[in-house]
Amino acid sequence: MSTLLGFDFGPRKIGVAVGQTITGSATPLTTLRSRNERPDWERIQALIQDWKPSALVLGLPYNMDGTEVDWSPRVHRFGRQLQGRFGLPVHLVDERLTSREAHRRLSERPGQKQPPTREAVDAAAAALILETWLCEQD
C-alpha cells in the first residue's frame, strides 16, 4: 500500500488531500494559504512528514480546448519545487472541472444548508485530482 498526497495548486491557496493505492480513494485534508504567492513550505513539509507519501500528485489546469491555462507555468514550477525539496516523484494530472465537481458534491451533501467554503472546495478538488490519477493507474 502506498500513500499519496494530492495538490490543487492556486496562486493564493493550495488544496491538499491524502489517498492510498490500495483503496484508490482520497480524502480532503486541508487548504493552505500562500503568502505573497509563495507556498507555505513549512506546512507542506509537516504534511509530508506526517503522511510519509511515496509520491505527490499535482493537478494541471487545462482550458476546455485541451490547451494549458496561461498560469500553468506556475503549476509546473510548483511541481519542480515539490520534487526538488522533498525528493518525491510528482505526477501531473488534468484537473479540468475538478473545482466545479467538488463544489457540486459538497453542496449536495445531506444537511448542507450553506454553500461550501472556498477552502473546503479546494481540498475536495485535491481529492478528486488524486482519485483521477489513482483511477488512471489501473
Foldseek 3Di string as FASTA:
>chain_A
DFKEKFWEDDQFKIWIWIDDLVVLFIDTDWIFGADPSHGPVVVVVVVCVVRVGQAYEYEFEDDPVGHGDPCRVVSVVVLVVCCVVPVHHYHYDHLPCLLVVLQVVVCPDPPRDDRDDSTSSNSSSRRVRSSVVSVVVD
